[in-house]
Amino acid sequence: MGFLKRLFIVEEEGDQKPEQQSPSTQQQQPQQQVLTGQQYAPQNQSYGQPPINVPPVTYPGGNVDPSILKMISDVIEQYNVEGNDYYELNKIVESPDFKNAIPDERSRIVAAFHSLKAQDPKFDKQKVLDSIDFYIKAVKGEYNNVLEGYNQFVESKINAPKQTISELQNQRQELVNKISQLDVEIQTIEAEVAKCSAELEAKRANYEATFNIVLQNLDKEKNQLNAILP
């Protein structure tokens, strides 16, 4: 059991394997479900199984999927034990030929019940009801498997990526804040450099002007003294 969990498994590209179907399952019959009136031929009896068009059923939040109904039907079939119970009773009641023979559902159920009881004296109403409870438990168990697979899928494909996105956004914001901080530091340093550069340039100009005056005066005095001194 547990194959329904595959509904929520996403195989990586290249890892997908074609399903090997037996001859009895190669022809898809999504409309043949126990839960919606599956047509099976009970033991020692033969009934035709023409395709049945089941109209789509809609429930709040989703639609009833015929392929999923088929899988659930397979669950019930796999859990079916030897002997007559609800499963075999439902086969007869929902078979097309039996419906044509006895259109009234209530009469058809009673007739099918007595037919199975004739085959097995131990077959009774309580066995039918107990077997329904058994199948309900089986279907609920499979649903829990599906739900577990769904939750694992959500965790790995949705919640985990969302967490990664959040972490990356935080890292990005940290980088944005760091960039802003670096921009402020750069602007501060540029302002200090510009101020220092202007001050140094002014001092250099003052030094140059002062030295030039001194040198000019010295050169002038040299010429003057050269002319005056004997």
C-alpha atoms as a PDB file:
ATOM      1  CA  MET A   1       0.000   0.000   0.000  1.00  0.00           C
ATOM      2  CA  GLY A   2       0.993   3.626  -0.181  1.00  0.00           C
ATOM      3  CA  PHE A   3       1.114   3.906  -3.979  1.00  0.00           C
ATOM      4  CA  LEU A   4      -1.267   6.877  -3.874  1.00  0.00           C
ATOM      5  CA  LYS A   5       1.588   8.885  -2.369  1.00  0.00           C
ATOM      6  CA  ARG A   6       3.055   8.954  -5.880  1.00  0.00           C
ATOM      7  CA  LEU A   7       0.407  11.534  -6.736  1.00  0.00           C
ATOM      8  CA  PHE A   8       2.575  14.090  -4.942  1.00  0.00           C
ATOM      9  CA  ILE A   9       6.021  12.884  -6.022  1.00  0.00           C
ATOM     10  CA  VAL A  10       7.803  14.933  -8.695  1.00  0.00           C
ATOM     11  CA  GLU A  11      10.496  12.842 -10.358  1.00  0.00           C
ATOM     12  CA  GLU A  12      13.621  14.575 -11.573  1.00  0.00           C
ATOM     13  CA  GLU A  13      14.031  14.736 -15.324  1.00  0.00           C
ATOM     14  CA  GLY A  14      15.844  11.666 -16.543  1.00  0.00           C
ATOM     15  CA  ASP A  15      14.770   9.582 -13.564  1.00  0.00           C
ATOM     16  CA  GLN A  16      11.257   8.908 -14.778  1.00  0.00           C
ATOM     17  CA  LYS A  17      10.519   5.303 -15.564  1.00  0.00           C
ATOM     18  CA  PRO A  18       7.615   4.147 -17.689  1.00  0.00           C
ATOM     19  CA  GLU A  19       5.026   2.266 -15.691  1.00  0.00           C
ATOM     20  CA  GLN A  20       4.785  -1.390 -16.519  1.00  0.00           C
ATOM     21  CA  GLN A  21       1.128  -2.138 -16.858  1.00  0.00           C
ATOM     22  CA  SER A  22      -0.365  -5.556 -16.918  1.00  0.00           C
ATOM     23  CA  PRO A  23      -2.725  -6.402 -19.785  1.00  0.00           C
ATOM     24  CA  SER A  24      -5.642  -5.887 -17.405  1.00  0.00           C
ATOM     25  CA  THR A  25      -4.584  -2.327 -16.599  1.00  0.00           C
ATOM     26  CA  GLN A  26      -3.221  -1.161 -19.973  1.00  0.00           C
ATOM     27  CA  GLN A  27      -6.678  -0.020 -20.986  1.00  0.00           C
ATOM     28  CA  GLN A  28      -7.572   2.777 -18.612  1.00  0.00           C
ATOM     29  CA  GLN A  29     -11.035   2.506 -17.096  1.00  0.00           C
ATOM     30  CA  PRO A  30     -11.247   5.548 -14.811  1.00  0.00           C
ATOM     31  CA  GLN A  31     -15.012   5.167 -14.494  1.00  0.00           C
ATOM     32  CA  GLN A  32     -14.911   1.741 -12.830  1.00  0.00           C
ATOM     33  CA  GLN A  33     -14.911   2.519  -9.131  1.00  0.00           C
ATOM     34  CA  VAL A  34     -16.485   0.612  -6.264  1.00  0.00           C
ATOM     35  CA  LEU A  35     -17.402   3.880  -4.646  1.00  0.00           C
ATOM     36  CA  THR A  36     -19.371   5.074  -7.665  1.00  0.00           C
ATOM     37  CA  GLY A  37     -20.989   1.868  -8.847  1.00  0.00           C
ATOM     38  CA  GLN A  38     -18.165  -0.294 -10.155  1.00  0.00           C
ATOM     39  CA  GLN A  39     -19.136  -2.992 -12.625  1.00  0.00           C
ATOM     40  CA  TYR A  40     -17.551  -6.341 -11.841  1.00  0.00           C
ATOM     41  CA  ALA A  41     -18.670  -9.868 -12.618  1.00  0.00           C
ATOM     42  CA  PRO A  42     -19.159 -11.889  -9.430  1.00  0.00           C
ATOM     43  CA  GLN A  43     -18.004 -15.498  -9.180  1.00  0.00           C
ATOM     44  CA  ASN A  44     -19.954 -18.009 -11.247  1.00  0.00           C
ATOM     45  CA  GLN A  45     -21.768 -15.175 -13.032  1.00  0.00           C
ATOM     46  CA  SER A  46     -20.979 -13.163 -16.173  1.00  0.00           C
ATOM     47  CA  TYR A  47     -21.917  -9.537 -16.771  1.00  0.00           C
ATOM     48  CA  GLY A  48     -20.831  -7.091 -19.463  1.00  0.00           C
ATOM     49  CA  GLN A  49     -18.838  -4.003 -18.522  1.00  0.00           C
ATOM     50  CA  PRO A  50     -19.590  -1.232 -21.035  1.00  0.00           C
ATOM     51  CA  PRO A  51     -17.982   2.172 -20.413  1.00  0.00           C
ATOM     52  CA  ILE A  52     -19.994   4.419 -18.149  1.00  0.00           C
ATOM     53  CA  ASN A  53     -19.865   8.203 -18.380  1.00  0.00           C
ATOM     54  CA  VAL A  54     -19.611   9.507 -14.845  1.00  0.00           C
ATOM     55  CA  PRO A  55     -20.338  13.249 -14.691  1.00  0.00           C
ATOM     56  CA  PRO A  56     -17.717  15.303 -12.819  1.00  0.00           C
ATOM     57  CA  VAL A  57     -18.508  15.899  -9.177  1.00  0.00           C
ATOM     58  CA  THR A  58     -17.383  19.124  -7.527  1.00  0.00           C
ATOM     59  CA  TYR A  59     -16.756  19.614  -3.828  1.00  0.00           C
ATOM     60  CA  PRO A  60     -15.730  22.854  -2.102  1.00  0.00           C
ATOM     61  CA  GLY A  61     -12.018  23.308  -2.722  1.00  0.00           C
ATOM     62  CA  GLY A  62     -11.581  20.686  -5.433  1.00  0.00           C
ATOM     63  CA  ASN A  63     -13.045  18.245  -7.951  1.00  0.00           C
ATOM     64  CA  VAL A  64     -13.541  14.506  -7.711  1.00  0.00           C
ATOM     65  CA  ASP A  65     -10.835  13.019  -9.936  1.00  0.00           C
ATOM     66  CA  PRO A  66     -11.854   9.786 -11.731  1.00  0.00           C
ATOM     67  CA  SER A  67      -8.234   8.559 -11.786  1.00  0.00           C
ATOM     68  CA  ILE A  68      -8.003   8.971  -8.008  1.00  0.00           C
ATOM     69  CA  LEU A  69     -11.326   7.199  -7.608  1.00  0.00           C
ATOM     70  CA  LYS A  70      -9.848   4.346  -9.650  1.00  0.00           C
ATOM     71  CA  MET A  71      -6.853   4.199  -7.314  1.00  0.00           C
ATOM     72  CA  ILE A  72      -9.109   4.160  -4.261  1.00  0.00           C
ATOM     73  CA  SER A  73     -11.107   1.382  -5.922  1.00  0.00           C
ATOM     74  CA  ASP A  74      -7.855  -0.533  -6.329  1.00  0.00           C
ATOM     75  CA  VAL A  75      -7.165  -0.073  -2.616  1.00  0.00           C
ATOM     76  CA  ILE A  76     -10.510  -1.665  -1.765  1.00  0.00           C
ATOM     77  CA  GLU A  77      -9.882  -4.442  -4.258  1.00  0.00           C
ATOM     78  CA  GLN A  78      -6.475  -5.180  -2.754  1.00  0.00           C
ATOM     79  CA  TYR A  79      -7.978  -5.344   0.735  1.00  0.00           C
ATOM     80  CA  ASN A  80     -10.810  -7.564  -0.414  1.00  0.00           C
ATOM     81  CA  VAL A  81     -10.672 -10.848   1.466  1.00  0.00           C
ATOM     82  CA  GLU A  82     -11.799 -14.226   0.202  1.00  0.00           C
ATOM     83  CA  GLY A  83     -15.513 -14.825   0.480  1.00  0.00           C
ATOM     84  CA  ASN A  84     -18.624 -12.753  -0.001  1.00  0.00           C
ATOM     85  CA  ASP A  85     -18.998  -9.341   1.635  1.00  0.00           C
ATOM     86  CA  TYR A  86     -19.956  -5.787   0.648  1.00  0.00           C
ATOM     87  CA  TYR A  87     -17.474  -5.888  -2.231  1.00  0.00           C
ATOM     88  CA  GLU A  88     -19.125  -8.853  -3.949  1.00  0.00           C
ATOM     89  CA  LEU A  89     -22.608  -7.540  -3.136  1.00  0.00           C
ATOM     90  CA  ASN A  90     -21.783  -4.220  -4.788  1.00  0.00           C
ATOM     91  CA  LYS A  91     -20.459  -6.005  -7.881  1.00  0.00           C
ATOM     92  CA  ILE A  92     -23.778  -7.653  -8.482  1.00  0.00           C
ATOM     93  CA  VAL A  93     -25.961  -4.658  -7.592  1.00  0.00           C
ATOM     94  CA  GLU A  94     -24.063  -2.313  -9.930  1.00  0.00           C
ATOM     95  CA  SER A  95     -23.574  -4.703 -12.851  1.00  0.00           C
ATOM     96  CA  PRO A  96     -25.315  -3.409 -16.018  1.00  0.00           C
ATOM     97  CA  ASP A  97     -27.138  -6.659 -16.772  1.00  0.00           C
ATOM     98  CA  PHE A  98     -28.478  -6.899 -13.242  1.00  0.00           C
ATOM     99  CA  LYS A  99     -29.598  -3.263 -13.397  1.00  0.00           C
ATOM    100  CA  ASN A 100     -31.442  -3.960 -16.617  1.00  0.00           C
ATOM    101  CA  ALA A 101     -33.074  -7.019 -15.110  1.00  0.00           C
ATOM    102  CA  ILE A 102     -34.050  -5.262 -11.866  1.00  0.00           C
ATOM    103  CA  PRO A 103     -34.188  -1.458 -12.340  1.00  0.00           C
ATOM    104  CA  ASP A 104     -35.321  -0.752  -8.767  1.00  0.00           C
ATOM    105  CA  GLU A 105     -32.199  -0.400  -6.619  1.00  0.00           C
ATOM    106  CA  ARG A 106     -33.817  -1.604  -3.388  1.00  0.00           C
ATOM    107  CA  SER A 107     -35.141  -4.751  -5.043  1.00  0.00           C
ATOM    108  CA  ARG A 108     -31.804  -5.271  -6.755  1.00  0.00           C
ATOM    109  CA  ILE A 109     -29.933  -5.084  -3.437  1.00  0.00           C
ATOM    110  CA  VAL A 110     -32.266  -7.601  -1.796  1.00  0.00           C
ATOM    111  CA  ALA A 111     -31.995  -9.956  -4.765  1.00  0.00           C
ATOM    112  CA  ALA A 112     -28.218  -9.730  -4.827  1.00  0.00           C
ATOM    113  CA  PHE A 113     -28.076 -10.289  -1.090  1.00  0.00           C
ATOM    114  CA  HIS A 114     -30.166 -13.467  -1.287  1.00  0.00           C
ATOM    115  CA  SER A 115     -28.138 -14.663  -4.261  1.00  0.00           C
ATOM    116  CA  LEU A 116     -24.908 -14.436  -2.254  1.00  0.00           C
ATOM    117  CA  LYS A 117     -26.532 -15.930   0.823  1.00  0.00           C
ATOM    118  CA  ALA A 118     -27.579 -18.911  -1.256  1.00  0.00           C
ATOM    119  CA  GLN A 119     -23.906 -19.430  -2.115  1.00  0.00           C
ATOM    120  CA  ASP A 120     -22.743 -18.932   1.483  1.00  0.00           C
ATOM    121  CA  PRO A 121     -25.191 -19.522   4.374  1.00  0.00           C
ATOM    122  CA  LYS A 122     -22.853 -17.580   6.707  1.00  0.00           C
ATOM    123  CA  PHE A 123     -23.277 -14.471   4.586  1.00  0.00           C
ATOM    124  CA  ASP A 124     -25.571 -12.016   6.397  1.00  0.00           C
ATOM    125  CA  LYS A 125     -26.340  -8.341   6.896  1.00  0.00           C
ATOM    126  CA  GLN A 126     -23.803  -7.908   9.701  1.00  0.00           C
ATOM    127  CA  LYS A 127     -21.032  -9.254   7.515  1.00  0.00           C
ATOM    128  CA  VAL A 128     -21.896  -6.674   4.882  1.00  0.00           C
ATOM    129  CA  LEU A 129     -21.860  -3.824   7.397  1.00  0.00           C
ATOM    130  CA  ASP A 130     -18.659  -5.038   9.086  1.00  0.00           C
ATOM    131  CA  SER A 131     -16.913  -5.335   5.730  1.00  0.00           C
ATOM    132  CA  ILE A 132     -17.882  -1.743   4.874  1.00  0.00           C
ATOM    133  CA  ASP A 133     -16.248  -0.621   8.139  1.00  0.00           C
ATOM    134  CA  PHE A 134     -13.185  -2.649   7.155  1.00  0.00           C
ATOM    135  CA  TYR A 135     -12.968  -0.932   3.761  1.00  0.00           C
ATOM    136  CA  ILE A 136     -13.527   2.481   5.351  1.00  0.00           C
ATOM    137  CA  LYS A 137     -10.545   1.807   7.611  1.00  0.00           C
ATOM    138  CA  ALA A 138      -8.452   0.720   4.604  1.00  0.00           C
ATOM    139  CA  VAL A 139      -9.360   3.835   2.600  1.00  0.00           C
ATOM    140  CA  LYS A 140      -8.664   6.102   5.579  1.00  0.00           C
ATOM    141  CA  GLY A 141      -5.299   4.424   6.038  1.00  0.00           C
ATOM    142  CA  GLU A 142      -4.418   5.045   2.411  1.00  0.00           C
ATOM    143  CA  TYR A 143      -5.607   8.633   2.710  1.00  0.00           C
ATOM    144  CA  ASN A 144      -3.215   9.107   5.622  1.00  0.00           C
ATOM    145  CA  ASN A 145      -0.428   7.789   3.387  1.00  0.00           C
ATOM    146  CA  VAL A 146      -1.451  10.252   0.701  1.00  0.00           C
ATOM    147  CA  LEU A 147      -1.590  13.084   3.211  1.00  0.00           C
ATOM    148  CA  GLU A 148       1.858  12.185   4.505  1.00  0.00           C
ATOM    149  CA  GLY A 149       3.233  12.222   0.970  1.00  0.00           C
ATOM    150  CA  TYR A 150       1.491  15.523   0.305  1.00  0.00           C
ATOM    151  CA  ASN A 151       2.936  17.099   3.459  1.00  0.00           C
ATOM    152  CA  GLN A 152       6.413  15.873   2.545  1.00  0.00           C
ATOM    153  CA  PHE A 153       5.982  17.303  -0.929  1.00  0.00           C
ATOM    154  CA  VAL A 154       4.814  20.658   0.445  1.00  0.00           C
ATOM    155  CA  GLU A 155       7.733  20.731   2.873  1.00  0.00           C
ATOM    156  CA  SER A 156      10.381  19.961   0.232  1.00  0.00           C
ATOM    157  CA  LYS A 157       8.939  21.854  -2.738  1.00  0.00           C
ATOM    158  CA  ILE A 158       7.219  24.833  -1.080  1.00  0.00           C
ATOM    159  CA  ASN A 159       8.154  25.428   2.549  1.00  0.00           C
ATOM    160  CA  ALA A 160      11.884  24.737   2.151  1.00  0.00           C
ATOM    161  CA  PRO A 161      12.238  26.974  -0.956  1.00  0.00           C
ATOM    162  CA  LYS A 162      10.248  29.704   0.821  1.00  0.00           C
ATOM    163  CA  GLN A 163      12.670  29.470   3.742  1.00  0.00           C
ATOM    164  CA  THR A 164      15.590  29.716   1.322  1.00  0.00           C
ATOM    165  CA  ILE A 165      14.006  32.770  -0.296  1.00  0.00           C
ATOM    166  CA  SER A 166      13.591  34.394   3.119  1.00  0.00           C
ATOM    167  CA  GLU A 167      17.214  33.682   4.023  1.00  0.00           C
ATOM    168  CA  LEU A 168      18.436  35.061   0.684  1.00  0.00           C
ATOM    169  CA  GLN A 169      16.281  38.159   1.117  1.00  0.00           C
ATOM    170  CA  ASN A 170      17.825  38.697   4.552  1.00  0.00           C
ATOM    171  CA  GLN A 171      21.293  38.274   3.080  1.00  0.00           C
ATOM    172  CA  ARG A 172      20.408  40.695   0.300  1.00  0.00           C
ATOM    173  CA  GLN A 173      19.134  43.248   2.831  1.00  0.00           C
ATOM    174  CA  GLU A 174      22.326  42.852   4.836  1.00  0.00           C
ATOM    175  CA  LEU A 175      24.307  43.503   1.654  1.00  0.00           C
ATOM    176  CA  VAL A 176      22.125  46.534   0.855  1.00  0.00           C
ATOM    177  CA  ASN A 177      22.715  47.873   4.361  1.00  0.00           C
ATOM    178  CA  LYS A 178      26.434  47.174   4.021  1.00  0.00           C
ATOM    179  CA  ILE A 179      26.499  48.968   0.669  1.00  0.00           C
ATOM    180  CA  SER A 180      24.752  51.968   2.224  1.00  0.00           C
ATOM    181  CA  GLN A 181      27.245  51.943   5.069  1.00  0.00           C
ATOM    182  CA  LEU A 182      30.140  51.713   2.630  1.00  0.00           C
ATOM    183  CA  ASP A 183      28.674  54.582   0.585  1.00  0.00           C
ATOM    184  CA  VAL A 184      28.595  56.755   3.714  1.00  0.00           C
ATOM    185  CA  GLU A 185      32.184  55.812   4.533  1.00  0.00           C
ATOM    186  CA  ILE A 186      33.273  56.554   0.974  1.00  0.00           C
ATOM    187  CA  GLN A 187      31.533  59.931   1.017  1.00  0.00           C
ATOM    188  CA  THR A 188      33.110  60.793   4.368  1.00  0.00           C
ATOM    189  CA  ILE A 189      36.574  59.870   3.144  1.00  0.00           C
ATOM    190  CA  GLU A 190      36.055  61.752  -0.129  1.00  0.00           C
ATOM    191  CA  ALA A 191      35.023  64.859   1.827  1.00  0.00           C
ATOM    192  CA  GLU A 192      38.090  64.576   4.067  1.00  0.00           C
ATOM    193  CA  VAL A 193      40.317  64.060   1.036  1.00  0.00           C
ATOM    194  CA  ALA A 194      38.804  67.065  -0.748  1.00  0.00           C
ATOM    195  CA  LYS A 195      39.220  69.261   2.347  1.00  0.00           C
ATOM    196  CA  CYS A 196      42.776  68.111   2.958  1.00  0.00           C
ATOM    197  CA  SER A 197      43.633  68.490  -0.716  1.00  0.00           C
ATOM    198  CA  ALA A 198      42.366  72.077  -0.758  1.00  0.00           C
ATOM    199  CA  GLU A 199      44.260  72.938   2.426  1.00  0.00           C
ATOM    200  CA  LEU A 200      47.487  71.371   1.158  1.00  0.00           C
ATOM    201  CA  GLU A 201      47.130  73.092  -2.206  1.00  0.00           C
ATOM    202  CA  ALA A 202      46.685  76.445  -0.454  1.00  0.00           C
ATOM    203  CA  LYS A 203      49.729  75.823   1.731  1.00  0.00           C
ATOM    204  CA  ARG A 204      51.768  74.754  -1.281  1.00  0.00           C
ATOM    205  CA  ALA A 205      50.798  77.947  -3.088  1.00  0.00           C
ATOM    206  CA  ASN A 206      51.706  80.012  -0.007  1.00  0.00           C
ATOM    207  CA  TYR A 207      55.049  78.255   0.334  1.00  0.00           C
ATOM    208  CA  GLU A 208      55.767  78.804  -3.356  1.00  0.00           C
ATOM    209  CA  ALA A 209      54.854  82.507  -3.202  1.00  0.00           C
ATOM    210  CA  THR A 210      56.828  83.064  -0.011  1.00  0.00           C
ATOM    211  CA  PHE A 211      59.939  81.274  -1.251  1.00  0.00           C
ATOM    212  CA  ASN A 212      59.791  83.146  -4.551  1.00  0.00           C
ATOM    213  CA  ILE A 213      59.672  86.533  -2.750  1.00  0.00           C
ATOM    214  CA  VAL A 214      62.559  85.559  -0.519  1.00  0.00           C
ATOM    215  CA  LEU A 215      64.631  84.301  -3.438  1.00  0.00           C
ATOM    216  CA  GLN A 216      63.828  87.386  -5.476  1.00  0.00           C
ATOM    217  CA  ASN A 217      64.839  89.665  -2.598  1.00  0.00           C
ATOM    218  CA  LEU A 218      68.061  87.754  -2.027  1.00  0.00           C
ATOM    219  CA  ASP A 219      68.904  87.925  -5.691  1.00  0.00           C
ATOM    220  CA  LYS A 220      68.112  91.645  -5.710  1.00  0.00           C
ATOM    221  CA  GLU A 221      70.301  92.296  -2.669  1.00  0.00           C
ATOM    222  CA  LYS A 222      73.087  90.284  -4.235  1.00  0.00           C
ATOM    223  CA  ASN A 223      73.092  92.526  -7.277  1.00  0.00           C
ATOM    224  CA  GLN A 224      72.857  95.630  -5.117  1.00  0.00           C
ATOM    225  CA  LEU A 225      75.700  94.609  -2.863  1.00  0.00           C
ATOM    226  CA  ASN A 226      77.772  93.599  -5.831  1.00  0.00           C
ATOM    227  CA  ALA A 227      77.411  97.101  -7.191  1.00  0.00           C
ATOM    228  CA  ILE A 228      78.032  98.879  -3.909  1.00  0.00           C
ATOM    229  CA  LEU A 229      80.834  96.995  -2.302  1.00  0.00           C
ATOM    230  CA  PRO A 230      84.447  97.912  -3.421  1.00  0.00           C
END
